[in-house]
Amino acid sequence: MTVAQIAYHKPQTDAFEKFYFALSRYPRPLAYIEATFVETMEKTGIPAFKLPKKYSANHKDAWFVFKLYKKDYGHVYLFDRVIVDGLPFYQFDPDKDYSHWYAPQKKRLTV
C-alpha cells in the first residue's frame, strides 16, 4: 500500500498555501487539514478538491487542482492551479518565489 501526501518543502506547496489562505474565509493551519484533502482526492480518484462557496472569500466554489506523481515509496501531489467558474483563477508559476509571499508591515510613524 502506497501512502499519498502533498509534497513538503516545494515551491508548489508554498503557492498552494498562499492561494488557500487568500481564498478561504476560515483559514486553518494546513498542516492539520492536508490529510483530509489527500483523503478526499484518493477516495474520488481526482487530484483536486473543492473549497465550497460558503467557505470561500469570493463566495464562489474554488477547485484546487494538483498533479499526481507516482513514486515507489508513495504518491506525491504537487499543486497546479485554482479554478473558479471553470476558469483558472490562480496558476502556479515556477519563476515566482512563493516562500516570501507575506506583505511587509508598514512601520507606524510615531512623534
Protein backbone atom coordinates (compact mmCIF):
# COMPACT_ATOMS: atom_id res chain seq x y z
CA MET A 1 0.00 0.00 0.00
CA THR A 2 1.42 3.34 -1.02
CA VAL A 3 0.85 6.44 1.03
CA ALA A 4 -0.14 9.65 -0.75
CA GLN A 5 0.70 13.09 0.53
CA ILE A 6 1.04 16.70 -0.54
CA ALA A 7 4.73 17.34 -1.15
CA TYR A 8 6.65 19.08 1.62
CA HIS A 9 9.14 21.92 1.09
CA LYS A 10 8.30 22.52 -2.56
CA PRO A 11 7.51 25.82 -4.31
CA GLN A 12 4.18 24.31 -5.37
CA THR A 13 3.25 23.75 -1.73
CA ASP A 14 4.14 27.33 -0.83
CA ALA A 15 1.93 28.54 -3.69
CA PHE A 16 -0.89 26.24 -2.54
CA GLU A 17 -0.71 27.69 0.98
CA LYS A 18 -0.69 31.25 -0.33
CA PHE A 19 -3.70 30.75 -2.59
CA TYR A 20 -5.62 28.72 0.00
CA PHE A 21 -5.22 31.42 2.64
CA ALA A 22 -6.15 34.10 0.08
CA LEU A 23 -9.40 32.32 -0.82
CA SER A 24 -10.50 30.77 2.47
CA ARG A 25 -12.76 32.75 4.80
CA TYR A 26 -11.88 30.48 7.72
CA PRO A 27 -8.24 29.56 7.18
CA ARG A 28 -6.91 26.81 9.39
CA PRO A 29 -3.29 25.70 9.53
CA LEU A 30 -2.85 23.46 6.52
CA ALA A 31 -0.73 21.01 8.50
CA TYR A 32 -3.95 19.99 10.29
CA ILE A 33 -6.14 19.54 7.22
CA GLU A 34 -3.80 18.42 4.39
CA ALA A 35 -4.51 14.79 5.28
CA THR A 36 -8.23 15.45 4.76
CA PHE A 37 -7.54 16.96 1.32
CA VAL A 38 -5.42 13.96 0.32
CA GLU A 39 -8.04 11.54 1.63
CA THR A 40 -10.69 13.29 -0.47
CA MET A 41 -8.52 13.15 -3.59
CA GLU A 42 -7.70 9.47 -3.02
CA LYS A 43 -11.36 8.50 -2.48
CA THR A 44 -12.61 10.34 -5.57
CA GLY A 45 -9.66 9.39 -7.76
CA ILE A 46 -9.43 13.02 -8.91
CA PRO A 47 -6.34 15.08 -8.00
CA ALA A 48 -8.47 18.05 -6.94
CA PHE A 49 -10.71 19.18 -4.12
CA LYS A 50 -13.36 21.87 -3.83
CA LEU A 51 -13.44 24.77 -1.39
CA PRO A 52 -17.21 25.34 -1.12
CA LYS A 53 -18.57 28.82 -1.71
CA LYS A 54 -19.76 29.11 1.89
CA TYR A 55 -16.09 28.96 2.99
CA SER A 56 -14.69 30.95 0.06
CA ALA A 57 -13.75 34.61 0.36
CA ASN A 58 -15.19 35.40 -3.08
CA HIS A 59 -18.40 33.38 -2.42
CA LYS A 60 -17.75 31.02 -5.34
CA ASP A 61 -16.71 27.38 -5.47
CA ALA A 62 -12.95 27.11 -5.89
CA TRP A 63 -11.29 23.95 -7.16
CA PHE A 64 -7.69 23.35 -6.10
CA VAL A 65 -6.10 21.16 -8.77
CA PHE A 66 -2.97 19.09 -8.23
CA LYS A 67 -0.71 16.89 -10.36
CA LEU A 68 -0.21 13.37 -9.07
CA TYR A 69 3.28 11.90 -9.28
CA LYS A 70 3.51 8.19 -8.52
CA LYS A 71 6.67 7.05 -6.81
CA ASP A 72 7.78 3.68 -5.46
CA TYR A 73 7.63 4.95 -1.89
CA GLY A 74 4.28 6.76 -2.25
CA HIS A 75 2.28 9.16 -4.33
CA VAL A 76 3.02 12.87 -4.18
CA TYR A 77 0.56 15.64 -5.02
CA LEU A 78 2.00 18.88 -6.39
CA PHE A 79 -0.23 21.95 -6.61
CA ASP A 80 -1.01 23.20 -10.13
CA ARG A 81 -3.85 25.77 -10.18
CA VAL A 82 -7.10 27.09 -8.72
CA ILE A 83 -10.22 27.08 -10.89
CA VAL A 84 -13.21 29.34 -10.22
CA ASP A 85 -16.26 29.33 -12.52
CA GLY A 86 -14.45 26.98 -14.90
CA LEU A 87 -11.58 29.43 -15.48
CA PRO A 88 -8.07 29.46 -14.00
CA PHE A 89 -8.07 31.90 -11.10
CA TYR A 90 -4.56 31.27 -9.79
CA GLN A 91 -1.84 29.30 -11.57
CA PHE A 92 1.47 28.04 -10.17
CA ASP A 93 4.34 29.93 -11.78
CA PRO A 94 7.74 28.22 -11.38
CA ASP A 95 9.52 31.57 -11.85
CA LYS A 96 7.96 33.15 -8.73
CA ASP A 97 9.31 32.79 -5.21
CA TYR A 98 6.33 31.78 -3.09
CA SER A 99 8.32 31.24 0.08
CA HIS A 100 8.36 35.00 0.81
CA TRP A 101 4.82 35.97 -0.03
CA TYR A 102 3.93 37.81 3.15
CA ALA A 103 3.49 41.54 2.63
CA PRO A 104 5.89 43.63 4.68
CA GLN A 105 4.30 45.51 7.54
CA LYS A 106 4.20 49.28 7.18
CA LYS A 107 6.03 50.94 10.01
CA ARG A 108 3.92 53.17 12.15
CA LEU A 109 5.16 56.71 12.43
CA THR A 110 5.43 57.99 15.94
CA VAL A 111 6.03 61.50 17.15
